[in-house]
């Protein structure tokens, strides 16, 4: 592998990591707003984020996913969230057959 190709891969990875962190921070802000203000434009919506910016707000994940796929071919760079979800709550997961009598 050439050093030029390796450098491009490293730059792409760093850019993706930076975008992931931007999406995480923006997602937290949107989630806080949607959960604390029922009149927020994000309340009850699914939000799509690319390059640290909201690019789509819709009623369903399918609508958001479709738009994100059109705008960004790389799935590693597409982000979405259910703006009104409580991401702090813990849900137990039951696995069939994991409990013994």
PDB file of N, CA and C in Angstrom:
ATOM      1  N   UNK A   1       0.856  -1.184   0.000  1.00  0.00           N
ATOM      2  CA  UNK A   1       0.000   0.000   0.000  1.00  0.00           C
ATOM      3  C   UNK A   1       0.896   1.238   0.000  1.00  0.00           C
ATOM      4  N   UNK A   2       0.615   2.162  -0.872  1.00  0.00           N
ATOM      5  CA  UNK A   2       1.429   3.367  -0.958  1.00  0.00           C
ATOM      6  C   UNK A   2       1.153   4.281   0.233  1.00  0.00           C
ATOM      7  N   UNK A   3       2.135   5.126   0.524  1.00  0.00           N
ATOM      8  CA  UNK A   3       1.962   6.055   1.657  1.00  0.00           C
ATOM      9  C   UNK A   3       0.849   7.062   1.365  1.00  0.00           C
ATOM     10  N   UNK A   4       0.638   7.408   0.096  1.00  0.00           N
ATOM     11  CA  UNK A   4      -0.432   8.338  -0.287  1.00  0.00           C
ATOM     12  C   UNK A   4      -1.801   7.712   0.009  1.00  0.00           C
ATOM     13  N   UNK A   5      -1.969   6.443  -0.360  1.00  0.00           N
ATOM     14  CA  UNK A   5      -3.236   5.735  -0.120  1.00  0.00           C
ATOM     15  C   UNK A   5      -3.479   5.602   1.378  1.00  0.00           C
ATOM     16  N   UNK A   6      -2.437   5.263   2.128  1.00  0.00           N
ATOM     17  CA  UNK A   6      -2.563   5.114   3.578  1.00  0.00           C
ATOM     18  C   UNK A   6      -2.949   6.456   4.219  1.00  0.00           C
ATOM     19  N   UNK A   7      -2.341   7.541   3.758  1.00  0.00           N
ATOM     20  CA  UNK A   7      -2.649   8.867   4.297  1.00  0.00           C
ATOM     21  C   UNK A   7      -4.104   9.232   3.995  1.00  0.00           C
ATOM     22  N   UNK A   8      -4.582   8.928   2.794  1.00  0.00           N
ATOM     23  CA  UNK A   8      -5.980   9.201   2.448  1.00  0.00           C
ATOM     24  C   UNK A   8      -6.928   8.406   3.328  1.00  0.00           C
ATOM     25  N   UNK A   9      -6.608   7.128   3.598  1.00  0.00           N
ATOM     26  CA  UNK A   9      -7.436   6.319   4.488  1.00  0.00           C
ATOM     27  C   UNK A   9      -7.445   6.886   5.901  1.00  0.00           C
ATOM     28  N   UNK A  10      -6.281   7.311   6.383  1.00  0.00           N
ATOM     29  CA  UNK A  10      -6.194   7.891   7.725  1.00  0.00           C
ATOM     30  C   UNK A  10      -6.988   9.193   7.809  1.00  0.00           C
ATOM     31  N   UNK A  11      -6.891  10.034   6.789  1.00  0.00           N
ATOM     32  CA  UNK A  11      -7.645  11.289   6.771  1.00  0.00           C
ATOM     33  C   UNK A  11      -9.142  11.009   6.735  1.00  0.00           C
ATOM     34  N   UNK A  12      -9.553  10.025   5.946  1.00  0.00           N
ATOM     35  CA  UNK A  12     -10.967   9.659   5.869  1.00  0.00           C
ATOM     36  C   UNK A  12     -11.455   9.148   7.220  1.00  0.00           C
ATOM     37  N   UNK A  13     -10.651   8.313   7.883  1.00  0.00           N
ATOM     38  CA  UNK A  13     -11.012   7.796   9.206  1.00  0.00           C
ATOM     39  C   UNK A  13     -11.148   8.935  10.208  1.00  0.00           C
ATOM     40  N   UNK A  14     -10.199   9.858  10.211  1.00  0.00           N
ATOM     41  CA  UNK A  14     -10.235  10.986  11.154  1.00  0.00           C
ATOM     42  C   UNK A  14     -11.455  11.867  10.881  1.00  0.00           C
ATOM     43  N   UNK A  15     -11.744  12.098   9.611  1.00  0.00           N
ATOM     44  CA  UNK A  15     -12.904  12.909   9.244  1.00  0.00           C
ATOM     45  C   UNK A  15     -14.190  12.221   9.711  1.00  0.00           C
ATOM     46  N   UNK A  16     -14.276  10.905   9.522  1.00  0.00           N
ATOM     47  CA  UNK A  16     -15.448  10.157   9.954  1.00  0.00           C
ATOM     48  C   UNK A  16     -15.575  10.198  11.471  1.00  0.00           C
ATOM     49  N   UNK A  17     -14.470  10.050  12.192  1.00  0.00           N
ATOM     50  CA  UNK A  17     -14.501  10.119  13.657  1.00  0.00           C
ATOM     51  C   UNK A  17     -14.934  11.507  14.132  1.00  0.00           C
ATOM     52  N   UNK A  18     -14.441  12.540  13.469  1.00  0.00           N
ATOM     53  CA  UNK A  18     -14.825  13.913  13.816  1.00  0.00           C
ATOM     54  C   UNK A  18     -16.316  14.123  13.551  1.00  0.00           C
ATOM     55  N   UNK A  19     -16.800  13.635  12.423  1.00  0.00           N
ATOM     56  CA  UNK A  19     -18.224  13.757  12.098  1.00  0.00           C
ATOM     57  C   UNK A  19     -19.074  12.979  13.098  1.00  0.00           C
ATOM     58  N   UNK A  20     -18.591  11.818  13.512  1.00  0.00           N
ATOM     59  CA  UNK A  20     -19.321  11.008  14.503  1.00  0.00           C
ATOM     60  C   UNK A  20     -19.453  11.775  15.820  1.00  0.00           C
ATOM     61  N   UNK A  21     -18.383  12.417  16.246  1.00  0.00           N
ATOM     62  CA  UNK A  21     -18.430  13.193  17.492  1.00  0.00           C
ATOM     63  C   UNK A  21     -19.339  14.411  17.340  1.00  0.00           C
ATOM     64  N   UNK A  22     -19.280  15.091  16.204  1.00  0.00           N
ATOM     65  CA  UNK A  22     -20.175  16.219  15.954  1.00  0.00           C
ATOM     66  C   UNK A  22     -21.629  15.764  15.981  1.00  0.00           C
ATOM     67  N   UNK A  23     -21.918  14.629  15.364  1.00  0.00           N
ATOM     68  CA  UNK A  23     -23.286  14.097  15.336  1.00  0.00           C
ATOM     69  C   UNK A  23     -23.741  13.730  16.745  1.00  0.00           C
ATOM     70  N   UNK A  24     -22.836  13.165  17.537  1.00  0.00           N
ATOM     71  CA  UNK A  24     -23.176  12.793  18.911  1.00  0.00           C
ATOM     72  C   UNK A  24     -23.532  14.036  19.733  1.00  0.00           C
ATOM     73  N   UNK A  25     -22.727  15.075  19.625  1.00  0.00           N
ATOM     74  CA  UNK A  25     -22.991  16.316  20.367  1.00  0.00           C
ATOM     75  C   UNK A  25     -24.282  16.987  19.904  1.00  0.00           C
ATOM     76  N   UNK A  26     -24.453  17.097  18.598  1.00  0.00           N
ATOM     77  CA  UNK A  26     -25.667  17.701  18.059  1.00  0.00           C
ATOM     78  C   UNK A  26     -26.886  16.858  18.438  1.00  0.00           C
ATOM     79  N   UNK A  27     -26.743  15.549  18.365  1.00  0.00           N
ATOM     80  CA  UNK A  27     -27.836  14.655  18.746  1.00  0.00           C
ATOM     81  C   UNK A  27     -28.254  14.844  20.194  1.00  0.00           C
ATOM     82  N   UNK A  28     -27.295  15.017  21.082  1.00  0.00           N
ATOM     83  CA  UNK A  28     -27.622  15.261  22.500  1.00  0.00           C
ATOM     84  C   UNK A  28     -28.397  16.564  22.661  1.00  0.00           C
ATOM     85  N   UNK A  29     -27.956  17.603  21.951  1.00  0.00           N
ATOM     86  CA  UNK A  29     -28.654  18.895  22.035  1.00  0.00           C
ATOM     87  C   UNK A  29     -30.086  18.769  21.516  1.00  0.00           C
ATOM     88  N   UNK A  30     -30.249  18.105  20.388  1.00  0.00           N
ATOM     89  CA  UNK A  30     -31.576  17.931  19.798  1.00  0.00           C
ATOM     90  C   UNK A  30     -32.459  17.107  20.723  1.00  0.00           C
ATOM     91  N   UNK A  31     -31.913  16.037  21.272  1.00  0.00           N
ATOM     92  CA  UNK A  31     -32.672  15.171  22.168  1.00  0.00           C
ATOM     93  C   UNK A  31     -33.112  15.928  23.411  1.00  0.00           C
ATOM     94  N   UNK A  32     -32.218  16.717  23.971  1.00  0.00           N
ATOM     95  CA  UNK A  32     -32.565  17.512  25.159  1.00  0.00           C
ATOM     96  C   UNK A  32     -33.686  18.493  24.820  1.00  0.00           C
ATOM     97  N   UNK A  33     -33.550  19.184  23.698  1.00  0.00           N
ATOM     98  CA  UNK A  33     -34.572  20.152  23.287  1.00  0.00           C
ATOM     99  C   UNK A  33     -35.920  19.465  23.051  1.00  0.00           C
ATOM    100  N   UNK A  34     -35.922  18.358  22.311  1.00  0.00           N
ATOM    101  CA  UNK A  34     -37.171  17.670  21.972  1.00  0.00           C
ATOM    102  C   UNK A  34     -37.868  17.122  23.215  1.00  0.00           C
ATOM    103  N   UNK A  35     -37.079  16.654  24.189  1.00  0.00           N
ATOM    104  CA  UNK A  35     -37.679  16.077  25.389  1.00  0.00           C
ATOM    105  C   UNK A  35     -38.122  17.140  26.385  1.00  0.00           C
ATOM    106  N   UNK A  36     -37.514  18.318  26.338  1.00  0.00           N
ATOM    107  CA  UNK A  36     -37.877  19.355  27.307  1.00  0.00           C
ATOM    108  C   UNK A  36     -38.886  20.362  26.753  1.00  0.00           C
ATOM    109  N   UNK A  37     -39.076  20.380  25.441  1.00  0.00           N
ATOM    110  CA  UNK A  37     -39.983  21.341  24.822  1.00  0.00           C
ATOM    111  C   UNK A  37     -40.886  20.627  23.810  1.00  0.00           C
ATOM    112  N   UNK A  38     -42.123  20.343  24.192  1.00  0.00           N
ATOM    113  CA  UNK A  38     -43.018  19.638  23.262  1.00  0.00           C
ATOM    114  C   UNK A  38     -43.319  20.428  21.988  1.00  0.00           C
ATOM    115  N   UNK A  39     -43.022  21.722  21.979  1.00  0.00           N
ATOM    116  CA  UNK A  39     -43.232  22.547  20.782  1.00  0.00           C
ATOM    117  C   UNK A  39     -41.999  22.617  19.879  1.00  0.00           C
ATOM    118  N   UNK A  40     -40.938  21.921  20.260  1.00  0.00           N
ATOM    119  CA  UNK A  40     -39.725  21.891  19.439  1.00  0.00           C
ATOM    120  C   UNK A  40     -40.047  21.294  18.074  1.00  0.00           C
ATOM    121  N   UNK A  41     -39.430  21.794  17.018  1.00  0.00           N
ATOM    122  CA  UNK A  41     -39.660  21.205  15.692  1.00  0.00           C
ATOM    123  C   UNK A  41     -39.144  19.769  15.598  1.00  0.00           C
ATOM    124  N   UNK A  42     -38.336  19.338  16.581  1.00  0.00           N
ATOM    125  CA  UNK A  42     -37.793  17.986  16.589  1.00  0.00           C
ATOM    126  C   UNK A  42     -38.642  17.012  17.415  1.00  0.00           C
ATOM    127  N   UNK A  43     -39.541  17.517  18.244  1.00  0.00           N
ATOM    128  CA  UNK A  43     -40.332  16.660  19.139  1.00  0.00           C
ATOM    129  C   UNK A  43     -41.131  15.636  18.338  1.00  0.00           C
ATOM    130  N   UNK A  44     -40.956  14.365  18.687  1.00  0.00           N
ATOM    131  CA  UNK A  44     -41.679  13.290  18.020  1.00  0.00           C
ATOM    132  C   UNK A  44     -41.175  12.959  16.629  1.00  0.00           C
ATOM    133  N   UNK A  45     -40.033  13.493  16.240  1.00  0.00           N
ATOM    134  CA  UNK A  45     -39.511  13.297  14.887  1.00  0.00           C
ATOM    135  C   UNK A  45     -38.237  12.458  14.901  1.00  0.00           C
ATOM    136  N   UNK A  46     -37.860  11.992  13.732  1.00  0.00           N
ATOM    137  CA  UNK A  46     -36.576  11.342  13.506  1.00  0.00           C
ATOM    138  C   UNK A  46     -35.711  12.349  12.754  1.00  0.00           C
ATOM    139  N   UNK A  47     -34.469  12.488  13.187  1.00  0.00           N
ATOM    140  CA  UNK A  47     -33.581  13.518  12.645  1.00  0.00           C
ATOM    141  C   UNK A  47     -32.377  12.853  11.979  1.00  0.00           C
ATOM    142  N   UNK A  48     -32.038  13.323  10.770  1.00  0.00           N
ATOM    143  CA  UNK A  48     -30.861  12.840  10.053  1.00  0.00           C
ATOM    144  C   UNK A  48     -29.772  13.898  10.079  1.00  0.00           C
ATOM    145  N   UNK A  49     -28.536  13.455  10.341  1.00  0.00           N
ATOM    146  CA  UNK A  49     -27.400  14.363  10.476  1.00  0.00           C
ATOM    147  C   UNK A  49     -26.282  13.926   9.532  1.00  0.00           C
ATOM    148  N   UNK A  50     -25.738  14.895   8.794  1.00  0.00           N
ATOM    149  CA  UNK A  50     -24.561  14.695   7.948  1.00  0.00           C
ATOM    150  C   UNK A  50     -23.593  15.842   8.183  1.00  0.00           C
ATOM    151  N   UNK A  51     -22.323  15.510   8.285  1.00  0.00           N
ATOM    152  CA  UNK A  51     -21.272  16.521   8.424  1.00  0.00           C
ATOM    153  C   UNK A  51     -21.582  17.551   9.523  1.00  0.00           C
ATOM    154  N   UNK A  52     -22.135  17.063  10.635  1.00  0.00           N
ATOM    155  CA  UNK A  52     -22.403  17.925  11.785  1.00  0.00           C
ATOM    156  C   UNK A  52     -23.598  18.843  11.643  1.00  0.00           C
ATOM    157  N   UNK A  53     -24.465  18.576  10.651  1.00  0.00           N
ATOM    158  CA  UNK A  53     -25.632  19.427  10.437  1.00  0.00           C
ATOM    159  C   UNK A  53     -26.887  18.577  10.254  1.00  0.00           C
ATOM    160  N   UNK A  54     -27.999  19.104  10.734  1.00  0.00           N
ATOM    161  CA  UNK A  54     -29.284  18.457  10.485  1.00  0.00           C
ATOM    162  C   UNK A  54     -29.617  18.649   9.012  1.00  0.00           C
ATOM    163  N   UNK A  55     -29.889  17.542   8.318  1.00  0.00           N
ATOM    164  CA  UNK A  55     -30.214  17.628   6.895  1.00  0.00           C
ATOM    165  C   UNK A  55     -31.626  17.148   6.590  1.00  0.00           C
ATOM    166  N   UNK A  56     -32.240  16.428   7.527  1.00  0.00           N
ATOM    167  CA  UNK A  56     -33.609  15.959   7.310  1.00  0.00           C
ATOM    168  C   UNK A  56     -34.287  15.731   8.657  1.00  0.00           C
ATOM    169  N   UNK A  57     -35.557  16.133   8.722  1.00  0.00           N
ATOM    170  CA  UNK A  57     -36.415  15.885   9.889  1.00  0.00           C
ATOM    171  C   UNK A  57     -37.697  15.292   9.330  1.00  0.00           C
ATOM    172  N   UNK A  58     -38.066  14.103   9.813  1.00  0.00           N
ATOM    173  CA  UNK A  58     -39.250  13.428   9.266  1.00  0.00           C
ATOM    174  C   UNK A  58     -39.959  12.635  10.364  1.00  0.00           C
ATOM    175  N   UNK A  59     -41.119  12.101   9.995  1.00  0.00           N
ATOM    176  CA  UNK A  59     -41.917  11.335  10.946  1.00  0.00           C
ATOM    177  C   UNK A  59     -41.420   9.909  11.143  1.00  0.00           C
ATOM    178  N   UNK A  60     -40.748   9.344  10.134  1.00  0.00           N
ATOM    179  CA  UNK A  60     -40.335   7.944  10.233  1.00  0.00           C
ATOM    180  C   UNK A  60     -38.856   7.771   9.912  1.00  0.00           C
ATOM    181  N   UNK A  61     -38.309   6.685  10.446  1.00  0.00           N
ATOM    182  CA  UNK A  61     -36.922   6.335  10.157  1.00  0.00           C
ATOM    183  C   UNK A  61     -36.741   6.024   8.678  1.00  0.00           C
ATOM    184  N   UNK A  62     -37.726   5.387   8.060  1.00  0.00           N
ATOM    185  CA  UNK A  62     -37.625   5.075   6.631  1.00  0.00           C
ATOM    186  C   UNK A  62     -37.431   6.336   5.795  1.00  0.00           C
ATOM    187  N   UNK A  63     -38.193   7.387   6.115  1.00  0.00           N
ATOM    188  CA  UNK A  63     -38.058   8.651   5.368  1.00  0.00           C
ATOM    189  C   UNK A  63     -36.666   9.243   5.542  1.00  0.00           C
ATOM    190  N   UNK A  64     -36.178   9.229   6.781  1.00  0.00           N
ATOM    191  CA  UNK A  64     -34.853   9.787   7.058  1.00  0.00           C
ATOM    192  C   UNK A  64     -33.773   8.953   6.370  1.00  0.00           C
ATOM    193  N   UNK A  65     -33.866   7.629   6.491  1.00  0.00           N
ATOM    194  CA  UNK A  65     -32.867   6.750   5.882  1.00  0.00           C
ATOM    195  C   UNK A  65     -32.803   6.947   4.372  1.00  0.00           C
ATOM    196  N   UNK A  66     -33.957   7.081   3.743  1.00  0.00           N
ATOM    197  CA  UNK A  66     -33.998   7.277   2.295  1.00  0.00           C
ATOM    198  C   UNK A  66     -33.279   8.570   1.899  1.00  0.00           C
ATOM    199  N   UNK A  67     -33.557   9.639   2.606  1.00  0.00           N
ATOM    200  CA  UNK A  67     -32.904  10.923   2.311  1.00  0.00           C
ATOM    201  C   UNK A  67     -31.397  10.855   2.562  1.00  0.00           C
ATOM    202  N   UNK A  68     -31.006  10.260   3.693  1.00  0.00           N
ATOM    203  CA  UNK A  68     -29.579  10.169   4.013  1.00  0.00           C
ATOM    204  C   UNK A  68     -28.827   9.357   2.967  1.00  0.00           C
ATOM    205  N   UNK A  69     -29.431   8.262   2.506  1.00  0.00           N
ATOM    206  CA  UNK A  69     -28.795   7.433   1.473  1.00  0.00           C
ATOM    207  C   UNK A  69     -28.604   8.201   0.175  1.00  0.00           C
ATOM    208  N   UNK A  70     -29.558   9.057  -0.161  1.00  0.00           N
ATOM    209  CA  UNK A  70     -29.432   9.885  -1.371  1.00  0.00           C
ATOM    210  C   UNK A  70     -28.307  10.907  -1.236  1.00  0.00           C
ATOM    211  N   UNK A  71     -28.165  11.454  -0.031  1.00  0.00           N
ATOM    212  CA  UNK A  71     -27.200  12.535   0.181  1.00  0.00           C
ATOM    213  C   UNK A  71     -25.780  12.061   0.468  1.00  0.00           C
ATOM    214  N   UNK A  72     -25.639  10.859   1.043  1.00  0.00           N
ATOM    215  CA  UNK A  72     -24.313  10.373   1.444  1.00  0.00           C
ATOM    216  C   UNK A  72     -24.215   8.874   1.175  1.00  0.00           C
ATOM    217  N   UNK A  73     -23.385   8.463   0.227  1.00  0.00           N
ATOM    218  CA  UNK A  73     -23.271   7.041  -0.102  1.00  0.00           C
ATOM    219  C   UNK A  73     -22.594   6.207   0.995  1.00  0.00           C
ATOM    220  N   UNK A  74     -21.760   6.817   1.807  1.00  0.00           N
ATOM    221  CA  UNK A  74     -21.018   6.083   2.839  1.00  0.00           C
ATOM    222  C   UNK A  74     -21.853   5.955   4.112  1.00  0.00           C
ATOM    223  N   UNK A  75     -22.304   4.737   4.462  1.00  0.00           N
ATOM    224  CA  UNK A  75     -23.137   4.565   5.647  1.00  0.00           C
ATOM    225  C   UNK A  75     -22.425   4.930   6.953  1.00  0.00           C
ATOM    226  N   UNK A  76     -21.104   4.920   6.949  1.00  0.00           N
ATOM    227  CA  UNK A  76     -20.340   5.297   8.147  1.00  0.00           C
ATOM    228  C   UNK A  76     -20.471   6.783   8.471  1.00  0.00           C
ATOM    229  N   UNK A  77     -20.939   7.558   7.506  1.00  0.00           N
ATOM    230  CA  UNK A  77     -21.017   9.010   7.693  1.00  0.00           C
ATOM    231  C   UNK A  77     -22.446   9.506   7.848  1.00  0.00           C
ATOM    232  N   UNK A  78     -23.417   8.577   7.890  1.00  0.00           N
ATOM    233  CA  UNK A  78     -24.830   8.935   8.052  1.00  0.00           C
ATOM    234  C   UNK A  78     -25.245   8.669   9.494  1.00  0.00           C
ATOM    235  N   UNK A  79     -25.947   9.625  10.098  1.00  0.00           N
ATOM    236  CA  UNK A  79     -26.376   9.499  11.483  1.00  0.00           C
ATOM    237  C   UNK A  79     -27.834   9.893  11.610  1.00  0.00           C
ATOM    238  N   UNK A  80     -28.536   9.257  12.536  1.00  0.00           N
ATOM    239  CA  UNK A  80     -29.932   9.601  12.779  1.00  0.00           C
ATOM    240  C   UNK A  80     -30.260   9.353  14.235  1.00  0.00           C
ATOM    241  N   UNK A  81     -31.327   9.989  14.707  1.00  0.00           N
ATOM    242  CA  UNK A  81     -31.805   9.734  16.056  1.00  0.00           C
ATOM    243  C   UNK A  81     -33.295   9.976  16.137  1.00  0.00           C
ATOM    244  N   UNK A  82     -33.912   9.250  17.058  1.00  0.00           N
ATOM    245  CA  UNK A  82     -35.301   9.496  17.431  1.00  0.00           C
ATOM    246  C   UNK A  82     -35.207  10.632  18.436  1.00  0.00           C
ATOM    247  N   UNK A  83     -35.589  11.821  18.032  1.00  0.00           N
ATOM    248  CA  UNK A  83     -35.324  13.021  18.829  1.00  0.00           C
ATOM    249  C   UNK A  83     -35.972  12.997  20.207  1.00  0.00           C
ATOM    250  N   UNK A  84     -37.080  12.307  20.360  1.00  0.00           N
ATOM    251  CA  UNK A  84     -37.785  12.315  21.650  1.00  0.00           C
ATOM    252  C   UNK A  84     -37.521  11.076  22.504  1.00  0.00           C
ATOM    253  N   UNK A  85     -36.662  10.190  22.036  1.00  0.00           N
ATOM    254  CA  UNK A  85     -36.383   8.958  22.788  1.00  0.00           C
ATOM    255  C   UNK A  85     -35.626   9.265  24.070  1.00  0.00           C
ATOM    256  N   UNK A  86     -35.852   8.429  25.075  1.00  0.00           N
ATOM    257  CA  UNK A  86     -35.110   8.537  26.336  1.00  0.00           C
ATOM    258  C   UNK A  86     -33.920   7.585  26.249  1.00  0.00           C
ATOM    259  N   UNK A  87     -32.780   8.110  25.860  1.00  0.00           N
ATOM    260  CA  UNK A  87     -31.593   7.298  25.686  1.00  0.00           C
ATOM    261  C   UNK A  87     -30.889   6.992  27.004  1.00  0.00           C
ATOM    262  N   UNK A  88     -31.372   7.562  28.098  1.00  0.00           N
ATOM    263  CA  UNK A  88     -30.756   7.322  29.403  1.00  0.00           C
ATOM    264  C   UNK A  88     -31.362   6.124  30.126  1.00  0.00           C
ATOM    265  N   UNK A  89     -32.531   5.671  29.712  1.00  0.00           N
ATOM    266  CA  UNK A  89     -33.205   4.566  30.379  1.00  0.00           C
ATOM    267  C   UNK A  89     -32.544   3.241  29.965  1.00  0.00           C
ATOM    268  N   UNK A  90     -32.465   2.316  30.909  1.00  0.00           N
ATOM    269  CA  UNK A  90     -31.891   1.005  30.650  1.00  0.00           C
ATOM    270  C   UNK A  90     -33.015  -0.010  30.522  1.00  0.00           C
ATOM    271  N   UNK A  91     -32.968  -0.805  29.467  1.00  0.00           N
ATOM    272  CA  UNK A  91     -33.972  -1.837  29.237  1.00  0.00           C
ATOM    273  C   UNK A  91     -33.317  -3.208  29.393  1.00  0.00           C
ATOM    274  N   UNK A  92     -33.906  -4.077  30.223  1.00  0.00           N
ATOM    275  CA  UNK A  92     -33.352  -5.436  30.324  1.00  0.00           C
ATOM    276  C   UNK A  92     -33.635  -6.207  29.030  1.00  0.00           C
ATOM    277  N   UNK A  93     -32.738  -7.093  28.684  1.00  0.00           N
ATOM    278  CA  UNK A  93     -32.902  -7.920  27.495  1.00  0.00           C
ATOM    279  C   UNK A  93     -33.001  -9.368  27.953  1.00  0.00           C
ATOM    280  N   UNK A  94     -34.071 -10.014  27.552  1.00  0.00           N
ATOM    281  CA  UNK A  94     -34.282 -11.418  27.893  1.00  0.00           C
ATOM    282  C   UNK A  94     -33.949 -12.257  26.674  1.00  0.00           C
ATOM    283  N   UNK A  95     -33.129 -13.263  26.885  1.00  0.00           N
ATOM    284  CA  UNK A  95     -32.757 -14.161  25.800  1.00  0.00           C
ATOM    285  C   UNK A  95     -33.394 -15.515  26.064  1.00  0.00           C
ATOM    286  N   UNK A  96     -34.130 -15.992  25.099  1.00  0.00           N
ATOM    287  CA  UNK A  96     -34.802 -17.276  25.232  1.00  0.00           C
ATOM    288  C   UNK A  96     -33.789 -18.373  25.536  1.00  0.00           C
ATOM    289  N   UNK A  97     -34.084 -19.180  26.544  1.00  0.00           N
ATOM    290  CA  UNK A  97     -33.203 -20.279  26.896  1.00  0.00           C
ATOM    291  C   UNK A  97     -32.074 -19.898  27.826  1.00  0.00           C
ATOM    292  N   UNK A  98     -31.981 -18.632  28.212  1.00  0.00           N
ATOM    293  CA  UNK A  98     -30.872 -18.217  29.079  1.00  0.00           C
ATOM    294  C   UNK A  98     -31.172 -18.462  30.554  1.00  0.00           C
ATOM    295  N   UNK A  99     -32.442 -18.643  30.888  1.00  0.00           N
ATOM    296  CA  UNK A  99     -32.818 -18.908  32.275  1.00  0.00           C
ATOM    297  C   UNK A  99     -33.035 -20.400  32.453  1.00  0.00           C
ATOM    298  N   UNK A 100     -32.438 -20.941  33.447  1.00  0.00           N
ATOM    299  CA  UNK A 100     -32.585 -22.383  33.728  1.00  0.00           C
ATOM    300  C   UNK A 100     -33.492 -22.559  34.936  1.00  0.00           C
ATOM    301  N   UNK A 101     -34.305 -23.603  34.875  1.00  0.00           N
ATOM    302  CA  UNK A 101     -35.221 -23.887  35.997  1.00  0.00           C
ATOM    303  C   UNK A 101     -34.498 -24.604  37.102  1.00  0.00           C
TER     304      UNK A 101
END
